[in-house]
Amino acid sequence: MSHYSEGRNWEASVPELDDRIAVVTGAGSGIGRGIALVLAQRGADIVVSDIDLAAAEVVADEVRSSGRNALAVQADVTDRESTDTLALTAIAGFGNIDILVNNAGVGGASGWWQRSNPSPEDWEATYDVNVIGIVNTTSSFQDHLSERRSGRIINIASGAGRRGTGGFAHYSASKAAAINVSQGFALKLAEFNINVNCICPGLLWTPLWEKLAERERIKSGETVLTGRQVFDQRLEASTPLGREQTPEDVGKLAAFLASHRSKNITGQSINLNGGSYMN
């Protein structure tokens, strides 16, 4: 008889991040929110950063309700001055920072899901947020982390960054670049005992995927199925385990990478996709 039970909530009893301070960008919804809440469950205090301050405040309240401290900060990751202000505010609020999660990301410029082919603005927006956003935010925090000779940086890439996707090449290219940039920072910051890793999620029903599913539905001329049903069809066709991933799944992997248990893991990009892509 197996000693493992999925119903046993043993993970919640392991406060592996007690009193660590984590900054999560793009934390006002979706994957970022899931990461922030899981890190808080594991004992971390959270700087909830988002371009939408109202959304960040809502998640910060959720963190406080779980018993941890939280600070909501508005930041635009495409603007280095904004990420510098984020770093200064976070350090002033908590004294030090241990964990940085670069999660902020976009699928394109405004209305990208309504276009069958990416526009030049879509290419610019994905690169600015999904790549330069990582560079800006990491650069804003790296001196602080380097002086402390300790830190974990976790960048949220995508399974789309593992291989090109037809009609969504701008997004795939930006996430491939995010993986490469992460490896560069891992090499640069290793001497300061800072680990840098990527998570590559698969299919999650998030605000971004809602738009992508609607885009696919419109592009195919589908008039009967909903966007969610299109998503479910994709999931069934491409995921061997047959289960969608959740923001909480990503949060659990981020918590591991943020903990002492991952001390010898750096420069890696870890798939979390139910087997849809293996390497």
Protein backbone atom coordinates (compact mmCIF):
# COMPACT_ATOMS: atom_id res chain seq x y z
CA MET A 1 0.00 0.00 0.00
CA SER A 2 1.34 3.41 -0.93
CA HIS A 3 2.24 5.77 1.90
CA TYR A 4 1.57 8.75 -0.31
CA SER A 5 -1.77 10.46 -0.21
CA GLU A 6 -2.68 13.41 -2.41
CA GLY A 7 -5.13 14.48 0.26
CA ARG A 8 -2.41 14.98 2.87
CA ASN A 9 -1.54 18.66 3.05
CA TRP A 10 2.01 18.08 4.27
CA GLU A 11 3.45 20.91 2.16
CA ALA A 12 1.59 23.59 4.10
CA SER A 13 3.29 22.39 7.31
CA VAL A 14 6.82 23.07 5.97
CA PRO A 15 7.64 26.77 6.56
CA GLU A 16 10.82 26.53 4.46
CA LEU A 17 10.90 30.26 3.70
CA ASP A 18 10.38 31.58 7.23
CA ASP A 19 11.11 35.29 7.42
CA ARG A 20 12.49 35.49 3.89
CA ILE A 21 11.46 38.51 1.85
CA ALA A 22 10.27 37.96 -1.71
CA VAL A 23 9.52 40.43 -4.49
CA VAL A 24 7.13 39.17 -7.16
CA THR A 25 6.48 41.24 -10.28
CA GLY A 26 3.26 40.95 -12.22
CA ALA A 27 1.73 39.64 -9.01
CA GLY A 28 -1.68 41.28 -9.36
CA SER A 29 -3.25 38.27 -11.09
CA GLY A 30 -2.65 34.87 -12.66
CA ILE A 31 0.67 33.12 -12.14
CA GLY A 32 2.17 36.00 -10.18
CA ARG A 33 -0.67 35.97 -7.69
CA GLY A 34 -0.34 32.20 -7.30
CA ILE A 35 3.39 32.49 -6.65
CA ALA A 36 2.94 35.28 -4.10
CA LEU A 37 0.34 33.33 -2.14
CA VAL A 38 2.34 30.08 -2.10
CA LEU A 39 5.53 31.84 -0.99
CA ALA A 40 3.53 33.46 1.80
CA GLN A 41 2.13 30.07 2.81
CA ARG A 42 5.73 28.86 3.06
CA GLY A 43 6.63 31.66 5.46
CA ALA A 44 7.82 34.55 3.28
CA ASP A 45 6.79 38.18 3.47
CA ILE A 46 5.88 39.51 0.05
CA VAL A 47 6.41 42.67 -1.98
CA VAL A 48 3.51 42.45 -4.43
CA SER A 49 4.45 44.42 -7.52
CA ASP A 50 2.26 45.10 -10.53
CA ILE A 51 1.70 47.85 -13.05
CA ASP A 52 -1.89 47.88 -11.71
CA LEU A 53 -1.57 49.09 -8.11
CA ALA A 54 -5.20 48.28 -7.26
CA ALA A 55 -4.68 44.64 -8.28
CA ALA A 56 -1.46 44.51 -6.27
CA GLU A 57 -3.28 45.85 -3.20
CA VAL A 58 -5.89 43.08 -3.46
CA VAL A 59 -3.21 40.38 -3.51
CA ALA A 60 -1.29 42.08 -0.70
CA ASP A 61 -4.46 41.90 1.40
CA GLU A 62 -4.70 38.18 0.63
CA VAL A 63 -1.11 37.71 1.79
CA ARG A 64 -1.83 39.57 5.02
CA SER A 65 -4.90 37.41 5.57
CA SER A 66 -2.61 34.36 5.46
CA GLY A 67 -0.60 35.78 8.36
CA ARG A 68 2.38 37.27 6.50
CA ASN A 69 3.42 40.85 5.90
CA ALA A 70 2.94 42.40 2.48
CA LEU A 71 3.67 45.60 0.64
CA ALA A 72 1.98 46.56 -2.64
CA VAL A 73 4.13 48.57 -5.06
CA GLN A 74 3.27 49.86 -8.51
CA ALA A 75 6.06 49.26 -11.03
CA ASP A 76 6.51 49.25 -14.79
CA VAL A 77 9.24 46.70 -15.52
CA THR A 78 9.97 48.28 -18.92
CA ASP A 79 11.17 51.44 -17.15
CA ARG A 80 14.49 51.16 -15.30
CA GLU A 81 13.71 54.14 -13.10
CA SER A 82 10.50 52.40 -12.04
CA THR A 83 12.30 49.15 -11.16
CA ASP A 84 14.97 51.11 -9.27
CA THR A 85 12.17 52.72 -7.25
CA LEU A 86 10.66 49.28 -6.66
CA ALA A 87 13.99 48.05 -5.27
CA LEU A 88 14.43 51.08 -3.02
CA THR A 89 10.84 50.83 -1.74
CA ALA A 90 11.09 47.10 -1.09
CA ILE A 91 14.41 47.40 0.77
CA ALA A 92 13.16 50.38 2.78
CA GLY A 93 10.00 48.47 3.68
CA PHE A 94 11.59 45.20 4.77
CA GLY A 95 15.28 45.90 5.30
CA ASN A 96 16.53 43.32 2.85
CA ILE A 97 15.40 41.15 -0.05
CA ASP A 98 16.11 37.42 -0.39
CA ILE A 99 14.03 36.34 -3.39
CA LEU A 100 13.17 38.02 -6.68
CA VAL A 101 10.55 36.50 -8.96
CA ASN A 102 10.43 38.11 -12.39
CA ASN A 103 6.95 37.12 -13.50
CA ALA A 104 5.60 40.18 -15.32
CA GLY A 105 4.75 39.24 -18.90
CA VAL A 106 2.48 40.04 -21.82
CA GLY A 107 1.22 38.29 -24.94
CA GLY A 108 1.60 41.38 -27.10
CA ALA A 109 0.51 44.98 -27.43
CA SER A 110 -3.03 46.06 -26.57
CA GLY A 111 -5.58 43.90 -28.38
CA TRP A 112 -3.01 41.29 -29.47
CA TRP A 113 -5.54 38.46 -29.12
CA GLN A 114 -7.73 40.04 -31.80
CA ARG A 115 -4.99 39.81 -34.46
CA SER A 116 -4.35 36.61 -36.42
CA ASN A 117 -0.74 37.69 -37.02
CA PRO A 118 1.48 39.65 -34.66
CA SER A 119 2.01 43.32 -35.41
CA PRO A 120 5.34 45.17 -35.04
CA GLU A 121 3.92 46.56 -31.81
CA ASP A 122 3.34 43.01 -30.54
CA TRP A 123 7.01 42.16 -31.13
CA GLU A 124 8.10 45.32 -29.33
CA ALA A 125 5.76 44.84 -26.36
CA THR A 126 6.71 41.21 -25.71
CA TYR A 127 10.42 41.98 -25.90
CA ASP A 128 10.11 45.07 -23.71
CA VAL A 129 8.16 43.33 -20.94
CA ASN A 130 9.23 39.68 -21.18
CA VAL A 131 12.95 40.29 -21.73
CA ILE A 132 13.95 43.86 -20.86
CA GLY A 133 11.63 43.62 -17.85
CA ILE A 134 13.80 40.80 -16.46
CA VAL A 135 16.97 42.75 -17.22
CA ASN A 136 15.69 45.94 -15.59
CA THR A 137 14.35 44.37 -12.43
CA THR A 138 17.32 42.05 -11.91
CA SER A 139 19.73 44.93 -12.49
CA SER A 140 17.86 47.03 -9.93
CA PHE A 141 18.22 44.35 -7.24
CA GLN A 142 21.56 42.74 -8.09
CA ASP A 143 23.79 45.12 -6.11
CA HIS A 144 21.74 44.55 -2.95
CA LEU A 145 21.78 40.77 -3.40
CA SER A 146 25.48 40.78 -4.28
CA GLU A 147 26.40 42.75 -1.17
CA ARG A 148 24.54 40.20 0.93
CA ARG A 149 26.22 37.38 -1.01
CA SER A 150 22.96 35.50 -1.07
CA GLY A 151 19.79 35.40 -3.11
CA ARG A 152 17.43 33.53 -5.38
CA ILE A 153 16.19 34.91 -8.69
CA ILE A 154 13.41 33.02 -10.43
CA ASN A 155 12.28 34.04 -13.89
CA ILE A 156 8.99 32.87 -15.35
CA ALA A 157 9.52 31.90 -18.97
CA SER A 158 7.23 29.50 -20.86
CA GLY A 159 7.12 26.21 -22.67
CA ALA A 160 6.67 28.43 -25.73
CA GLY A 161 10.28 29.47 -25.27
CA ARG A 162 11.44 25.91 -25.88
CA ARG A 163 10.35 25.85 -29.51
CA GLY A 164 8.75 28.16 -32.04
CA THR A 165 4.99 28.42 -32.39
CA GLY A 166 3.21 29.35 -35.59
CA GLY A 167 1.37 32.65 -35.38
CA PHE A 168 2.72 33.36 -31.91
CA ALA A 169 6.41 33.63 -32.78
CA HIS A 170 6.84 37.00 -31.09
CA TYR A 171 5.89 35.51 -27.73
CA SER A 172 7.95 32.34 -28.22
CA ALA A 173 10.99 34.39 -29.20
CA SER A 174 10.67 36.62 -26.13
CA LYS A 175 10.46 33.63 -23.80
CA ALA A 176 13.43 31.94 -25.49
CA ALA A 177 15.35 35.16 -24.90
CA ALA A 178 14.22 35.15 -21.26
CA ILE A 179 15.74 31.69 -20.84
CA ASN A 180 19.02 32.84 -22.40
CA VAL A 181 19.15 36.03 -20.34
CA SER A 182 18.59 33.95 -17.19
CA GLN A 183 21.58 31.78 -18.01
CA GLY A 184 23.70 34.89 -18.49
CA PHE A 185 22.70 36.27 -15.09
CA ALA A 186 23.29 32.85 -13.50
CA LEU A 187 26.89 32.90 -14.72
CA LYS A 188 27.41 36.53 -13.76
CA LEU A 189 25.98 36.26 -10.25
CA ALA A 190 27.22 32.81 -9.21
CA GLU A 191 30.31 34.26 -7.51
CA PHE A 192 27.97 36.13 -5.18
CA ASN A 193 26.10 32.96 -4.18
CA ILE A 194 23.02 34.02 -6.13
CA ASN A 195 21.06 31.30 -7.92
CA VAL A 196 19.15 32.21 -11.08
CA ASN A 197 16.66 29.79 -12.62
CA CYS A 198 13.67 29.73 -14.97
CA ILE A 199 10.30 28.04 -14.76
CA CYS A 200 8.65 27.09 -18.06
CA PRO A 201 4.93 26.56 -17.42
CA GLY A 202 2.68 24.78 -19.89
CA LEU A 203 -1.10 25.18 -20.11
CA LEU A 204 -2.69 27.28 -17.36
CA TRP A 205 -6.09 28.93 -17.43
CA THR A 206 -4.90 32.44 -16.66
CA PRO A 207 -5.97 35.84 -18.03
CA LEU A 208 -3.31 35.52 -20.75
CA TRP A 209 -4.51 32.06 -21.78
CA GLU A 210 -8.12 33.21 -21.78
CA LYS A 211 -7.17 35.73 -24.45
CA LEU A 212 -5.04 33.20 -26.35
CA ALA A 213 -7.86 30.63 -26.38
CA GLU A 214 -10.28 33.25 -27.65
CA ARG A 215 -7.77 34.20 -30.35
CA GLU A 216 -7.49 30.56 -31.44
CA ARG A 217 -11.27 30.18 -31.44
CA ILE A 218 -11.75 33.22 -33.67
CA LYS A 219 -8.86 32.29 -35.96
CA SER A 220 -10.26 28.79 -36.55
CA GLY A 221 -13.74 30.13 -37.29
CA GLU A 222 -15.17 28.21 -34.33
CA THR A 223 -18.68 29.38 -33.51
CA VAL A 224 -19.89 26.69 -31.10
CA LEU A 225 -17.11 26.11 -28.58
CA THR A 226 -16.15 28.64 -25.92
CA GLY A 227 -12.58 29.77 -25.34
CA ARG A 228 -12.40 27.48 -22.32
CA GLN A 229 -13.50 24.51 -24.41
CA VAL A 230 -10.83 25.33 -27.00
CA PHE A 231 -8.30 25.36 -24.15
CA ASP A 232 -9.54 21.99 -22.91
CA GLN A 233 -9.20 20.50 -26.38
CA ARG A 234 -5.60 21.72 -26.60
CA LEU A 235 -4.91 20.31 -23.15
CA GLU A 236 -6.28 16.88 -24.02
CA ALA A 237 -4.37 16.74 -27.30
CA SER A 238 -0.99 17.87 -26.01
CA THR A 239 -0.61 16.92 -22.34
CA PRO A 240 0.19 13.26 -21.53
CA LEU A 241 -0.83 13.60 -17.88
CA GLY A 242 -4.13 15.13 -19.00
CA ARG A 243 -4.15 17.80 -16.30
CA GLU A 244 -3.90 21.53 -16.66
CA GLN A 245 -1.32 23.30 -14.59
CA THR A 246 -2.25 25.98 -12.07
CA PRO A 247 -0.64 29.16 -10.72
CA GLU A 248 -0.27 27.30 -7.43
CA ASP A 249 1.77 24.58 -9.18
CA VAL A 250 4.14 27.27 -10.41
CA GLY A 251 4.23 28.75 -6.93
CA LYS A 252 5.25 25.43 -5.40
CA LEU A 253 8.14 25.05 -7.84
CA ALA A 254 9.14 28.66 -7.20
CA ALA A 255 9.11 27.97 -3.45
CA PHE A 256 11.46 25.04 -3.96
CA LEU A 257 13.83 27.11 -6.10
CA ALA A 258 13.71 29.87 -3.48
CA SER A 259 14.61 27.50 -0.64
CA HIS A 260 17.89 26.11 0.68
CA ARG A 261 17.01 22.79 -0.94
CA SER A 262 17.91 24.21 -4.36
CA LYS A 263 21.33 25.56 -3.37
CA ASN A 264 23.14 23.71 -6.17
CA ILE A 265 20.64 24.46 -8.93
CA THR A 266 21.38 27.49 -11.10
CA GLY A 267 21.11 28.42 -14.76
CA GLN A 268 18.36 25.86 -15.30
CA SER A 269 15.00 26.10 -17.04
CA ILE A 270 12.53 23.66 -15.53
CA ASN A 271 9.46 22.51 -17.44
CA LEU A 272 6.17 22.38 -15.57
CA ASN A 273 3.81 21.17 -18.27
CA GLY A 274 2.32 17.74 -17.60
CA GLY A 275 4.67 16.22 -20.16
CA SER A 276 3.65 18.31 -23.17
CA TYR A 277 7.29 19.01 -23.90
CA MET A 278 10.17 16.90 -22.60
CA ASN A 279 13.90 17.52 -22.56
